């Protein structure tokens, strides 16, 4: 996960071999499963343990904010008490730099800095701050949630000064659920309506307010040979922007079609024959292209 924006450096990268993690794991033996809730990118993990069933709803707060990312995690004790372990250890610069100035206020909210990002975490007041094996500071805690109850953890990473205390988790969940329902109406019809609805949600979630859509996250991005990893999927690729535009046009003239056409059209008008293959969602030339140092015209001449 990059923060606060798509093309910023990652702060959580353990799943693809880096450092920086926000992990919530049941204590003891368990069998894992999960699914996305209908027409949204709200993920619901489900663990069947030796003592019961635990679920965890997880989402980025929606609508998004270019200056902050807010992560929501709600632990639900479905059957039996839920006992989980939590590790919160963001690391800036793709895992190179951990949290600094870690402290807890009187309301139990943790505060820290990582590079230029302010970090706030609510819901793990009893955590202890320790260093992991790689020297990255991490907040560790265990939670026990009684059967039928829930426990919310809200984490914020922001490059702007906070405007006030972290919003209430119930408010954030209601806003997130409402915006997904409004932004991803059911497509309906066809032989795979559910899959089409989910694809629509994925495309919506990868599209910025300015209409730019980042490439789908993958562990095998098209990176340049003999170069260090730069995680190209953080950027908007003109070719990839055109594919979903064509796909959604098959159904109806939906906003995603207008946004895809609008972003590509703006870049064509601005850059003309010097159109680049990849941009940031703001329309700037992506770092991976700038490093290459050659425009399409230059490559053709050579």
C-alpha atoms as a PDB file:
ATOM      1  CA  UNK A   1       0.000   0.000   0.000  1.00  0.00           C
ATOM      2  CA  UNK A   2       1.335   3.391  -1.027  1.00  0.00           C
ATOM      3  CA  UNK A   3       0.343   6.473   0.971  1.00  0.00           C
ATOM      4  CA  UNK A   4      -1.119   8.940   0.832  1.00  0.00           C
ATOM      5  CA  UNK A   5      -1.416   8.657  -2.974  1.00  0.00           C
ATOM      6  CA  UNK A   6      -1.194   5.852  -5.519  1.00  0.00           C
ATOM      7  CA  UNK A   7       2.221   6.856  -6.837  1.00  0.00           C
ATOM      8  CA  UNK A   8       3.843   7.610  -3.478  1.00  0.00           C
ATOM      9  CA  UNK A   9       6.273   5.220  -1.809  1.00  0.00           C
ATOM     10  CA  UNK A  10       4.810   2.116  -0.190  1.00  0.00           C
ATOM     11  CA  UNK A  11       4.364   1.942   3.592  1.00  0.00           C
ATOM     12  CA  UNK A  12       3.061  -1.667   3.675  1.00  0.00           C
ATOM     13  CA  UNK A  13       4.906  -4.039   1.344  1.00  0.00           C
ATOM     14  CA  UNK A  14       5.370  -7.335   3.206  1.00  0.00           C
ATOM     15  CA  UNK A  15       3.010  -9.251   0.901  1.00  0.00           C
ATOM     16  CA  UNK A  16       5.323  -8.644  -2.060  1.00  0.00           C
ATOM     17  CA  UNK A  17       8.622  -9.178  -0.258  1.00  0.00           C
ATOM     18  CA  UNK A  18       9.226  -5.742   1.254  1.00  0.00           C
ATOM     19  CA  UNK A  19       8.789  -4.476   4.796  1.00  0.00           C
ATOM     20  CA  UNK A  20       6.006  -2.629   6.545  1.00  0.00           C
ATOM     21  CA  UNK A  21       2.929  -4.510   7.725  1.00  0.00           C
ATOM     22  CA  UNK A  22      -0.533  -4.086   9.242  1.00  0.00           C
ATOM     23  CA  UNK A  23      -1.478  -7.653  10.218  1.00  0.00           C
ATOM     24  CA  UNK A  24      -4.458  -8.987  12.136  1.00  0.00           C
ATOM     25  CA  UNK A  25      -4.237 -12.744  12.832  1.00  0.00           C
ATOM     26  CA  UNK A  26      -6.326 -15.149  14.938  1.00  0.00           C
ATOM     27  CA  UNK A  27      -4.533 -16.770  17.855  1.00  0.00           C
ATOM     28  CA  UNK A  28      -4.087 -20.533  17.484  1.00  0.00           C
ATOM     29  CA  UNK A  29      -5.123 -22.834  14.662  1.00  0.00           C
ATOM     30  CA  UNK A  30      -7.595 -21.649  12.035  1.00  0.00           C
ATOM     31  CA  UNK A  31      -8.879 -22.119   8.479  1.00  0.00           C
ATOM     32  CA  UNK A  32      -9.040 -18.927   6.438  1.00  0.00           C
ATOM     33  CA  UNK A  33     -11.515 -17.675   3.848  1.00  0.00           C
ATOM     34  CA  UNK A  34     -13.009 -14.422   2.666  1.00  0.00           C
ATOM     35  CA  UNK A  35     -14.867 -12.473   0.014  1.00  0.00           C
ATOM     36  CA  UNK A  36     -15.570  -8.953  -1.247  1.00  0.00           C
ATOM     37  CA  UNK A  37     -18.934  -7.566  -0.240  1.00  0.00           C
ATOM     38  CA  UNK A  38     -21.278  -7.021  -3.180  1.00  0.00           C
ATOM     39  CA  UNK A  39     -20.438  -4.094  -5.491  1.00  0.00           C
ATOM     40  CA  UNK A  40     -17.625  -2.799  -3.275  1.00  0.00           C
ATOM     41  CA  UNK A  41     -13.988  -3.248  -2.328  1.00  0.00           C
ATOM     42  CA  UNK A  42     -14.914  -3.953   1.290  1.00  0.00           C
ATOM     43  CA  UNK A  43     -13.162  -7.221   2.070  1.00  0.00           C
ATOM     44  CA  UNK A  44     -14.515  -9.605   4.705  1.00  0.00           C
ATOM     45  CA  UNK A  45     -12.043 -12.143   6.081  1.00  0.00           C
ATOM     46  CA  UNK A  46     -13.485 -15.204   7.826  1.00  0.00           C
ATOM     47  CA  UNK A  47     -11.516 -17.507  10.105  1.00  0.00           C
ATOM     48  CA  UNK A  48     -12.870 -20.764  11.521  1.00  0.00           C
ATOM     49  CA  UNK A  49     -10.829 -21.440  14.651  1.00  0.00           C
ATOM     50  CA  UNK A  50     -10.807 -24.281  17.148  1.00  0.00           C
ATOM     51  CA  UNK A  51     -12.968 -22.108  19.428  1.00  0.00           C
ATOM     52  CA  UNK A  52     -15.357 -20.336  17.073  1.00  0.00           C
ATOM     53  CA  UNK A  53     -15.676 -18.096  14.005  1.00  0.00           C
ATOM     54  CA  UNK A  54     -14.061 -14.676  13.547  1.00  0.00           C
ATOM     55  CA  UNK A  55     -14.713 -12.206  10.759  1.00  0.00           C
ATOM     56  CA  UNK A  56     -12.933  -8.964   9.927  1.00  0.00           C
ATOM     57  CA  UNK A  57     -14.284  -6.272   7.613  1.00  0.00           C
ATOM     58  CA  UNK A  58     -11.497  -4.283   5.963  1.00  0.00           C
ATOM     59  CA  UNK A  59     -11.633  -1.235   3.716  1.00  0.00           C
ATOM     60  CA  UNK A  60     -10.080   2.041   2.755  1.00  0.00           C
ATOM     61  CA  UNK A  61     -12.424   4.818   3.865  1.00  0.00           C
ATOM     62  CA  UNK A  62     -14.444   6.040   0.878  1.00  0.00           C
ATOM     63  CA  UNK A  63     -14.581   8.665  -0.582  1.00  0.00           C
ATOM     64  CA  UNK A  64     -10.829   9.066  -0.773  1.00  0.00           C
ATOM     65  CA  UNK A  65      -8.732  12.088   0.114  1.00  0.00           C
ATOM     66  CA  UNK A  66      -5.549  12.985  -1.839  1.00  0.00           C
ATOM     67  CA  UNK A  67      -3.810  13.964   1.400  1.00  0.00           C
ATOM     68  CA  UNK A  68      -4.663  11.031   3.613  1.00  0.00           C
ATOM     69  CA  UNK A  69      -5.461   7.334   3.575  1.00  0.00           C
ATOM     70  CA  UNK A  70      -7.715   5.895   6.282  1.00  0.00           C
ATOM     71  CA  UNK A  71      -7.794   2.147   6.868  1.00  0.00           C
ATOM     72  CA  UNK A  72     -10.775   0.535   8.573  1.00  0.00           C
ATOM     73  CA  UNK A  73     -10.705  -2.898  10.218  1.00  0.00           C
ATOM     74  CA  UNK A  74     -13.625  -4.252  12.228  1.00  0.00           C
ATOM     75  CA  UNK A  75     -13.156  -7.502  14.192  1.00  0.00           C
ATOM     76  CA  UNK A  76     -16.435  -9.416  14.583  1.00  0.00           C
ATOM     77  CA  UNK A  77     -16.817 -12.308  17.045  1.00  0.00           C
ATOM     78  CA  UNK A  78     -19.385 -14.369  15.110  1.00  0.00           C
ATOM     79  CA  UNK A  79     -19.285 -17.503  17.262  1.00  0.00           C
ATOM     80  CA  UNK A  80     -17.337 -17.719  20.493  1.00  0.00           C
ATOM     81  CA  UNK A  81     -14.913 -15.074  21.706  1.00  0.00           C
ATOM     82  CA  UNK A  82     -12.485 -13.686  19.146  1.00  0.00           C
ATOM     83  CA  UNK A  83      -8.822 -13.610  20.126  1.00  0.00           C
ATOM     84  CA  UNK A  84      -6.541 -11.915  17.611  1.00  0.00           C
ATOM     85  CA  UNK A  85      -3.007 -10.561  17.444  1.00  0.00           C
ATOM     86  CA  UNK A  86      -2.268  -7.220  15.769  1.00  0.00           C
ATOM     87  CA  UNK A  87       0.985  -5.863  14.381  1.00  0.00           C
ATOM     88  CA  UNK A  88       1.074  -2.293  13.046  1.00  0.00           C
ATOM     89  CA  UNK A  89       4.454  -1.379  11.563  1.00  0.00           C
ATOM     90  CA  UNK A  90       4.335   1.006   8.575  1.00  0.00           C
ATOM     91  CA  UNK A  91       7.703   1.654   6.961  1.00  0.00           C
ATOM     92  CA  UNK A  92       8.259   4.477   4.477  1.00  0.00           C
ATOM     93  CA  UNK A  93      10.394   4.321   1.365  1.00  0.00           C
ATOM     94  CA  UNK A  94       9.314   0.764   0.530  1.00  0.00           C
ATOM     95  CA  UNK A  95      10.356  -0.477   3.964  1.00  0.00           C
ATOM     96  CA  UNK A  96      13.562   1.487   4.484  1.00  0.00           C
ATOM     97  CA  UNK A  97      12.413   3.827   7.285  1.00  0.00           C
ATOM     98  CA  UNK A  98      10.177   3.042  10.226  1.00  0.00           C
ATOM     99  CA  UNK A  99       8.065   5.137  12.587  1.00  0.00           C
ATOM    100  CA  UNK A 100       9.587   7.869  14.747  1.00  0.00           C
ATOM    101  CA  UNK A 101       8.341   9.818  17.784  1.00  0.00           C
ATOM    102  CA  UNK A 102       5.843   7.085  18.652  1.00  0.00           C
ATOM    103  CA  UNK A 103       3.559   8.077  21.527  1.00  0.00           C
ATOM    104  CA  UNK A 104       0.056   7.505  22.879  1.00  0.00           C
ATOM    105  CA  UNK A 105      -2.274  10.331  23.945  1.00  0.00           C
ATOM    106  CA  UNK A 106      -4.707  10.390  26.862  1.00  0.00           C
ATOM    107  CA  UNK A 107      -7.539   9.047  24.665  1.00  0.00           C
ATOM    108  CA  UNK A 108      -5.544   5.952  23.734  1.00  0.00           C
ATOM    109  CA  UNK A 109      -4.746   7.077  20.186  1.00  0.00           C
ATOM    110  CA  UNK A 110      -1.215   6.322  18.943  1.00  0.00           C
ATOM    111  CA  UNK A 111       0.714   9.012  17.041  1.00  0.00           C
ATOM    112  CA  UNK A 112       3.929   8.740  15.016  1.00  0.00           C
ATOM    113  CA  UNK A 113       5.855  10.089  12.010  1.00  0.00           C
ATOM    114  CA  UNK A 114       7.299   8.244   9.025  1.00  0.00           C
ATOM    115  CA  UNK A 115       9.149  10.630   6.735  1.00  0.00           C
ATOM    116  CA  UNK A 116       6.594  13.346   5.932  1.00  0.00           C
ATOM    117  CA  UNK A 117       3.568  11.295   6.944  1.00  0.00           C
ATOM    118  CA  UNK A 118       1.630  11.689  10.170  1.00  0.00           C
ATOM    119  CA  UNK A 119       0.365   8.389  11.558  1.00  0.00           C
ATOM    120  CA  UNK A 120      -2.605   7.973  13.915  1.00  0.00           C
ATOM    121  CA  UNK A 121      -4.066   4.663  15.109  1.00  0.00           C
ATOM    122  CA  UNK A 122      -7.218   4.291  17.204  1.00  0.00           C
ATOM    123  CA  UNK A 123      -8.459   1.051  18.748  1.00  0.00           C
ATOM    124  CA  UNK A 124      -5.253  -0.535  20.040  1.00  0.00           C
ATOM    125  CA  UNK A 125      -4.651   1.605  23.131  1.00  0.00           C
ATOM    126  CA  UNK A 126      -2.957  -1.213  25.061  1.00  0.00           C
ATOM    127  CA  UNK A 127      -0.370  -1.923  22.379  1.00  0.00           C
ATOM    128  CA  UNK A 128       3.331  -1.900  23.165  1.00  0.00           C
ATOM    129  CA  UNK A 129       5.948  -0.379  20.883  1.00  0.00           C
ATOM    130  CA  UNK A 130       8.779  -2.783  20.042  1.00  0.00           C
ATOM    131  CA  UNK A 131      11.305  -3.235  17.266  1.00  0.00           C
ATOM    132  CA  UNK A 132      10.957  -6.207  14.954  1.00  0.00           C
ATOM    133  CA  UNK A 133      13.810  -8.362  13.664  1.00  0.00           C
ATOM    134  CA  UNK A 134      14.733  -5.795  11.018  1.00  0.00           C
ATOM    135  CA  UNK A 135      14.787  -2.904  13.484  1.00  0.00           C
ATOM    136  CA  UNK A 136      11.495  -1.338  12.349  1.00  0.00           C
ATOM    137  CA  UNK A 137       9.377  -0.005  15.266  1.00  0.00           C
ATOM    138  CA  UNK A 138       6.069  -1.862  15.547  1.00  0.00           C
ATOM    139  CA  UNK A 139       2.948  -1.689  17.692  1.00  0.00           C
ATOM    140  CA  UNK A 140       2.003  -5.126  19.054  1.00  0.00           C
ATOM    141  CA  UNK A 141      -1.153  -6.083  20.919  1.00  0.00           C
ATOM    142  CA  UNK A 142      -3.717  -8.847  21.443  1.00  0.00           C
ATOM    143  CA  UNK A 143      -7.476  -8.289  21.458  1.00  0.00           C
ATOM    144  CA  UNK A 144     -10.234 -10.394  22.933  1.00  0.00           C
ATOM    145  CA  UNK A 145     -13.679  -9.555  21.565  1.00  0.00           C
ATOM    146  CA  UNK A 146     -16.681 -11.127  23.270  1.00  0.00           C
ATOM    147  CA  UNK A 147     -19.074 -13.262  21.239  1.00  0.00           C
ATOM    148  CA  UNK A 148     -21.516 -11.115  19.316  1.00  0.00           C
ATOM    149  CA  UNK A 149     -19.408  -7.971  19.773  1.00  0.00           C
ATOM    150  CA  UNK A 150     -17.174  -5.960  17.430  1.00  0.00           C
ATOM    151  CA  UNK A 151     -13.946  -3.998  17.800  1.00  0.00           C
ATOM    152  CA  UNK A 152     -12.810  -1.265  15.400  1.00  0.00           C
ATOM    153  CA  UNK A 153      -9.267  -0.249  14.488  1.00  0.00           C
ATOM    154  CA  UNK A 154      -8.855   2.965  12.476  1.00  0.00           C
ATOM    155  CA  UNK A 155      -5.453   3.938  11.056  1.00  0.00           C
ATOM    156  CA  UNK A 156      -4.708   7.205   9.263  1.00  0.00           C
ATOM    157  CA  UNK A 157      -1.637   8.151   7.220  1.00  0.00           C
ATOM    158  CA  UNK A 158      -1.623  11.790   6.133  1.00  0.00           C
ATOM    159  CA  UNK A 159       0.720  14.396   4.684  1.00  0.00           C
ATOM    160  CA  UNK A 160      -1.424  17.213   6.121  1.00  0.00           C
ATOM    161  CA  UNK A 161      -2.026  18.410   9.664  1.00  0.00           C
ATOM    162  CA  UNK A 162      -5.078  16.721  11.231  1.00  0.00           C
ATOM    163  CA  UNK A 163      -8.241  18.823  11.219  1.00  0.00           C
ATOM    164  CA  UNK A 164      -9.435  17.196  14.445  1.00  0.00           C
ATOM    165  CA  UNK A 165      -9.679  13.833  16.167  1.00  0.00           C
ATOM    166  CA  UNK A 166     -10.077  10.691  14.100  1.00  0.00           C
ATOM    167  CA  UNK A 167     -13.696  10.289  12.971  1.00  0.00           C
ATOM    168  CA  UNK A 168     -15.873   7.722  14.691  1.00  0.00           C
ATOM    169  CA  UNK A 169     -15.544   4.271  13.118  1.00  0.00           C
ATOM    170  CA  UNK A 170     -19.321   3.862  12.730  1.00  0.00           C
ATOM    171  CA  UNK A 171     -19.473   7.131  10.777  1.00  0.00           C
ATOM    172  CA  UNK A 172     -16.607   6.096   8.503  1.00  0.00           C
ATOM    173  CA  UNK A 173     -18.204   2.711   7.813  1.00  0.00           C
ATOM    174  CA  UNK A 174     -21.586   4.260   6.967  1.00  0.00           C
ATOM    175  CA  UNK A 175     -19.965   6.769   4.597  1.00  0.00           C
ATOM    176  CA  UNK A 176     -17.912   4.047   2.929  1.00  0.00           C
ATOM    177  CA  UNK A 177     -20.874   1.722   2.459  1.00  0.00           C
ATOM    178  CA  UNK A 178     -23.098   4.522   1.129  1.00  0.00           C
ATOM    179  CA  UNK A 179     -20.545   5.744  -1.408  1.00  0.00           C
ATOM    180  CA  UNK A 180     -19.948   2.249  -2.758  1.00  0.00           C
ATOM    181  CA  UNK A 181     -23.695   1.732  -3.235  1.00  0.00           C
ATOM    182  CA  UNK A 182     -24.015   5.082  -5.005  1.00  0.00           C
ATOM    183  CA  UNK A 183     -20.937   4.741  -7.211  1.00  0.00           C
ATOM    184  CA  UNK A 184     -21.334   1.109  -8.287  1.00  0.00           C
ATOM    185  CA  UNK A 185     -24.942   0.447  -9.324  1.00  0.00           C
ATOM    186  CA  UNK A 186     -25.784  -3.110 -10.328  1.00  0.00           C
ATOM    187  CA  UNK A 187     -25.089  -3.801 -13.993  1.00  0.00           C
ATOM    188  CA  UNK A 188     -27.535  -6.714 -14.098  1.00  0.00           C
ATOM    189  CA  UNK A 189     -28.307  -9.113 -16.918  1.00  0.00           C
ATOM    190  CA  UNK A 190     -25.860 -11.430 -18.643  1.00  0.00           C
ATOM    191  CA  UNK A 191     -24.628 -14.836 -17.538  1.00  0.00           C
ATOM    192  CA  UNK A 192     -22.172 -13.499 -14.940  1.00  0.00           C
ATOM    193  CA  UNK A 193     -23.836 -10.438 -13.444  1.00  0.00           C
ATOM    194  CA  UNK A 194     -22.082 -10.830 -10.085  1.00  0.00           C
ATOM    195  CA  UNK A 195     -18.637 -10.971 -11.677  1.00  0.00           C
ATOM    196  CA  UNK A 196     -19.463  -7.950 -13.843  1.00  0.00           C
ATOM    197  CA  UNK A 197     -20.567  -5.996 -10.773  1.00  0.00           C
ATOM    198  CA  UNK A 198     -17.329  -6.869  -8.983  1.00  0.00           C
ATOM    199  CA  UNK A 199     -15.222  -5.848 -11.992  1.00  0.00           C
ATOM    200  CA  UNK A 200     -17.096  -2.550 -12.023  1.00  0.00           C
ATOM    201  CA  UNK A 201     -16.232  -2.052  -8.336  1.00  0.00           C
ATOM    202  CA  UNK A 202     -12.553  -2.824  -8.958  1.00  0.00           C
ATOM    203  CA  UNK A 203     -12.347  -0.333 -11.813  1.00  0.00           C
ATOM    204  CA  UNK A 204     -14.159   2.289  -9.725  1.00  0.00           C
ATOM    205  CA  UNK A 205     -11.768   1.746  -6.841  1.00  0.00           C
ATOM    206  CA  UNK A 206      -8.708   2.172  -9.066  1.00  0.00           C
ATOM    207  CA  UNK A 207      -9.957   5.427 -10.606  1.00  0.00           C
ATOM    208  CA  UNK A 208      -9.008   8.799  -9.152  1.00  0.00           C
ATOM    209  CA  UNK A 209     -11.241  11.839  -8.839  1.00  0.00           C
ATOM    210  CA  UNK A 210      -9.511  13.244 -11.949  1.00  0.00           C
ATOM    211  CA  UNK A 211     -10.468  10.245 -14.083  1.00  0.00           C
ATOM    212  CA  UNK A 212      -7.091   8.519 -14.177  1.00  0.00           C
ATOM    213  CA  UNK A 213      -7.085   4.772 -13.491  1.00  0.00           C
ATOM    214  CA  UNK A 214      -3.987   3.085 -12.134  1.00  0.00           C
ATOM    215  CA  UNK A 215      -3.014  -0.320 -13.467  1.00  0.00           C
ATOM    216  CA  UNK A 216      -4.256  -3.369 -11.579  1.00  0.00           C
ATOM    217  CA  UNK A 217      -1.947  -4.332  -8.716  1.00  0.00           C
ATOM    218  CA  UNK A 218       0.254  -7.291  -9.623  1.00  0.00           C
ATOM    219  CA  UNK A 219       3.460  -8.917  -8.425  1.00  0.00           C
ATOM    220  CA  UNK A 220       4.843  -9.128 -11.968  1.00  0.00           C
ATOM    221  CA  UNK A 221       4.778  -5.557 -13.299  1.00  0.00           C
ATOM    222  CA  UNK A 222       6.401  -4.675 -16.644  1.00  0.00           C
ATOM    223  CA  UNK A 223       9.571  -3.249 -15.176  1.00  0.00           C
ATOM    224  CA  UNK A 224      12.730  -2.448 -17.121  1.00  0.00           C
ATOM    225  CA  UNK A 225      15.454  -5.055 -17.205  1.00  0.00           C
ATOM    226  CA  UNK A 226      18.526  -4.471 -15.043  1.00  0.00           C
ATOM    227  CA  UNK A 227      16.769  -1.791 -12.981  1.00  0.00           C
ATOM    228  CA  UNK A 228      15.710  -1.765  -9.346  1.00  0.00           C
ATOM    229  CA  UNK A 229      12.034  -2.448  -8.681  1.00  0.00           C
ATOM    230  CA  UNK A 230       9.823   0.609  -9.028  1.00  0.00           C
ATOM    231  CA  UNK A 231       6.353  -0.967  -8.809  1.00  0.00           C
ATOM    232  CA  UNK A 232       5.005   0.240 -12.139  1.00  0.00           C
ATOM    233  CA  UNK A 233       1.421  -0.620 -11.228  1.00  0.00           C
ATOM    234  CA  UNK A 234       1.305   2.585  -9.149  1.00  0.00           C
ATOM    235  CA  UNK A 235       0.966   4.479 -12.410  1.00  0.00           C
ATOM    236  CA  UNK A 236      -1.666   5.006 -15.078  1.00  0.00           C
ATOM    237  CA  UNK A 237      -0.842   3.296 -18.371  1.00  0.00           C
ATOM    238  CA  UNK A 238      -2.589   4.772 -21.387  1.00  0.00           C
ATOM    239  CA  UNK A 239      -3.147   1.334 -22.932  1.00  0.00           C
ATOM    240  CA  UNK A 240      -4.651  -0.019 -19.700  1.00  0.00           C
ATOM    241  CA  UNK A 241      -6.881   3.057 -19.371  1.00  0.00           C
ATOM    242  CA  UNK A 242      -8.352   2.348 -22.811  1.00  0.00           C
ATOM    243  CA  UNK A 243      -9.276  -1.278 -22.101  1.00  0.00           C
ATOM    244  CA  UNK A 244     -11.735  -0.635 -19.253  1.00  0.00           C
ATOM    245  CA  UNK A 245     -13.167   2.313 -21.150  1.00  0.00           C
ATOM    246  CA  UNK A 246     -13.999   0.002 -24.038  1.00  0.00           C
ATOM    247  CA  UNK A 247     -15.294  -2.695 -21.668  1.00  0.00           C
ATOM    248  CA  UNK A 248     -17.678  -0.451 -19.743  1.00  0.00           C
ATOM    249  CA  UNK A 249     -18.939   1.075 -23.011  1.00  0.00           C
ATOM    250  CA  UNK A 250     -20.430  -2.314 -23.920  1.00  0.00           C
ATOM    251  CA  UNK A 251     -22.917  -1.937 -21.074  1.00  0.00           C
ATOM    252  CA  UNK A 252     -23.947   1.727 -20.945  1.00  0.00           C
ATOM    253  CA  UNK A 253     -22.518   5.284 -21.068  1.00  0.00           C
ATOM    254  CA  UNK A 254     -21.452   5.137 -17.435  1.00  0.00           C
ATOM    255  CA  UNK A 255     -19.222   7.716 -15.657  1.00  0.00           C
ATOM    256  CA  UNK A 256     -16.202   5.399 -15.883  1.00  0.00           C
ATOM    257  CA  UNK A 257     -16.398   5.641 -19.674  1.00  0.00           C
ATOM    258  CA  UNK A 258     -16.507   9.446 -19.580  1.00  0.00           C
ATOM    259  CA  UNK A 259     -13.564   9.547 -17.172  1.00  0.00           C
ATOM    260  CA  UNK A 260     -11.446   7.177 -19.244  1.00  0.00           C
ATOM    261  CA  UNK A 261     -12.085   9.156 -22.430  1.00  0.00           C
ATOM    262  CA  UNK A 262     -11.567  12.454 -20.619  1.00  0.00           C
ATOM    263  CA  UNK A 263      -8.183  11.569 -19.123  1.00  0.00           C
ATOM    264  CA  UNK A 264      -6.745  10.079 -22.320  1.00  0.00           C
ATOM    265  CA  UNK A 265      -8.123  12.998 -24.336  1.00  0.00           C
ATOM    266  CA  UNK A 266      -6.456  15.523 -22.028  1.00  0.00           C
ATOM    267  CA  UNK A 267      -3.106  13.806 -22.377  1.00  0.00           C
ATOM    268  CA  UNK A 268      -3.416  13.639 -26.170  1.00  0.00           C
ATOM    269  CA  UNK A 269      -4.247  17.339 -26.360  1.00  0.00           C
ATOM    270  CA  UNK A 270      -1.396  18.270 -24.013  1.00  0.00           C
ATOM    271  CA  UNK A 271       1.364  15.958 -25.305  1.00  0.00           C
ATOM    272  CA  UNK A 272       0.365  15.114 -28.879  1.00  0.00           C
ATOM    273  CA  UNK A 273       3.070  13.039 -30.595  1.00  0.00           C
ATOM    274  CA  UNK A 274       5.079  13.054 -27.354  1.00  0.00           C
ATOM    275  CA  UNK A 275       2.391  11.084 -25.522  1.00  0.00           C
ATOM    276  CA  UNK A 276       4.028   8.917 -22.859  1.00  0.00           C
ATOM    277  CA  UNK A 277       3.011   5.330 -22.078  1.00  0.00           C
ATOM    278  CA  UNK A 278       2.556   5.993 -18.352  1.00  0.00           C
ATOM    279  CA  UNK A 279       1.503   8.891 -16.105  1.00  0.00           C
ATOM    280  CA  UNK A 280       0.590   9.506 -12.494  1.00  0.00           C
ATOM    281  CA  UNK A 281      -3.116   9.953 -11.767  1.00  0.00           C
ATOM    282  CA  UNK A 282      -2.499  13.720 -11.666  1.00  0.00           C
ATOM    283  CA  UNK A 283      -1.279  13.676 -15.272  1.00  0.00           C
ATOM    284  CA  UNK A 284       2.452  14.031 -14.549  1.00  0.00           C
ATOM    285  CA  UNK A 285       4.902  11.799 -16.399  1.00  0.00           C
ATOM    286  CA  UNK A 286       5.474   8.641 -14.365  1.00  0.00           C
ATOM    287  CA  UNK A 287       8.901   8.214 -12.806  1.00  0.00           C
ATOM    288  CA  UNK A 288       9.481   4.969 -14.686  1.00  0.00           C
ATOM    289  CA  UNK A 289       9.092   6.853 -17.986  1.00  0.00           C
ATOM    290  CA  UNK A 290      11.186   9.824 -16.870  1.00  0.00           C
ATOM    291  CA  UNK A 291      14.030   7.473 -15.918  1.00  0.00           C
ATOM    292  CA  UNK A 292      13.944   5.931 -19.367  1.00  0.00           C
ATOM    293  CA  UNK A 293      14.652   9.403 -20.721  1.00  0.00           C
ATOM    294  CA  UNK A 294      13.417   8.808 -24.241  1.00  0.00           C
ATOM    295  CA  UNK A 295      10.168   9.938 -25.825  1.00  0.00           C
ATOM    296  CA  UNK A 296       8.435   7.817 -28.452  1.00  0.00           C
ATOM    297  CA  UNK A 297       9.764  10.155 -31.146  1.00  0.00           C
ATOM    298  CA  UNK A 298      13.360   9.796 -29.843  1.00  0.00           C
ATOM    299  CA  UNK A 299      13.096   6.004 -29.808  1.00  0.00           C
ATOM    300  CA  UNK A 300      11.775   6.015 -33.368  1.00  0.00           C
ATOM    301  CA  UNK A 301      14.735   8.116 -34.560  1.00  0.00           C
ATOM    302  CA  UNK A 302      17.198   5.708 -32.942  1.00  0.00           C
END
